[in-house]
Amino acid sequence: MAAPIIRVGNTDKEVSKDLCQFVIDKATSSIQERGTFTVGVSGGSLVKYLCNGLPSSKTDWTKWRIFFCDERHVPYDNSECTYTLYKTGLVDKVGMPPENIFPINPDLSVEDAAVDYEKKIRLVFPETDIPRFDLLLLGMGPDGHTCSLFPGHQLLEEKTRIISPIKGKADIVQRVLEGKEEVLLPAARVRPTNGDVIWYLDKGAASKLKNI
């Protein structure tokens, strides 16, 4: 297993610029190689970074396919709906076809919405048992949870990228990246099967790391 790659920005602007450039570079290579770019996004601070930095970037937005690594089971007009934040903050701004972003169906029950969402994913990845996205962007909570998987949960190990731009998470970032936990925190269990794990941190979030 490759060691995580850690990238630290001195300011929010630096983190956003570095992260968005990485996303665009990945999109460019994926589109050149396969004709599409499949990306999973999360909510929280990540929305601000992507919606501030990506709209001015040059890419073929018609080739993007945006899914959600986690999402609240709320109506689209709810202020906590991650889909709507990306729809208004990115998709509408760049003229991306609305069918290229895949929201959950909040009119269904939680269980039925999950089944329905898997069907949507299978339409884009029809030939694979386990869909392999070009890029996954995950956040991390103050308890080390990621992708709505909390400590003590059975976790999947996925190829992913993580952004944690909050100074208050310095302790948990240190535990995840350098700690010797007997039972790994969820964010520490995000491991690549074929690819890299890259952490984008601001200076505050990285302040307690000893090995950078």
Foldseek 3Di string as FASTA:
>chain_A
DDAAAEAAAADLLRLLQVVLVVVQVLQVVCCVVPVAAEEEEEDDPVLVSCLVPPLVDDDDLQRYAYEYLAADLDDLPDPRGRQVSCCVSPCVSNVHPPVRYDDFDSVDDPVVSVVVSVVVVCVVVVPDPDDAGSEYEWEADLQGDISPAFPPGDDDAHDYEYEYEDLSSLVVLCCLNPNDDPRHTRNNRHDYPPHHYYYRYYCSNPVPHDPD
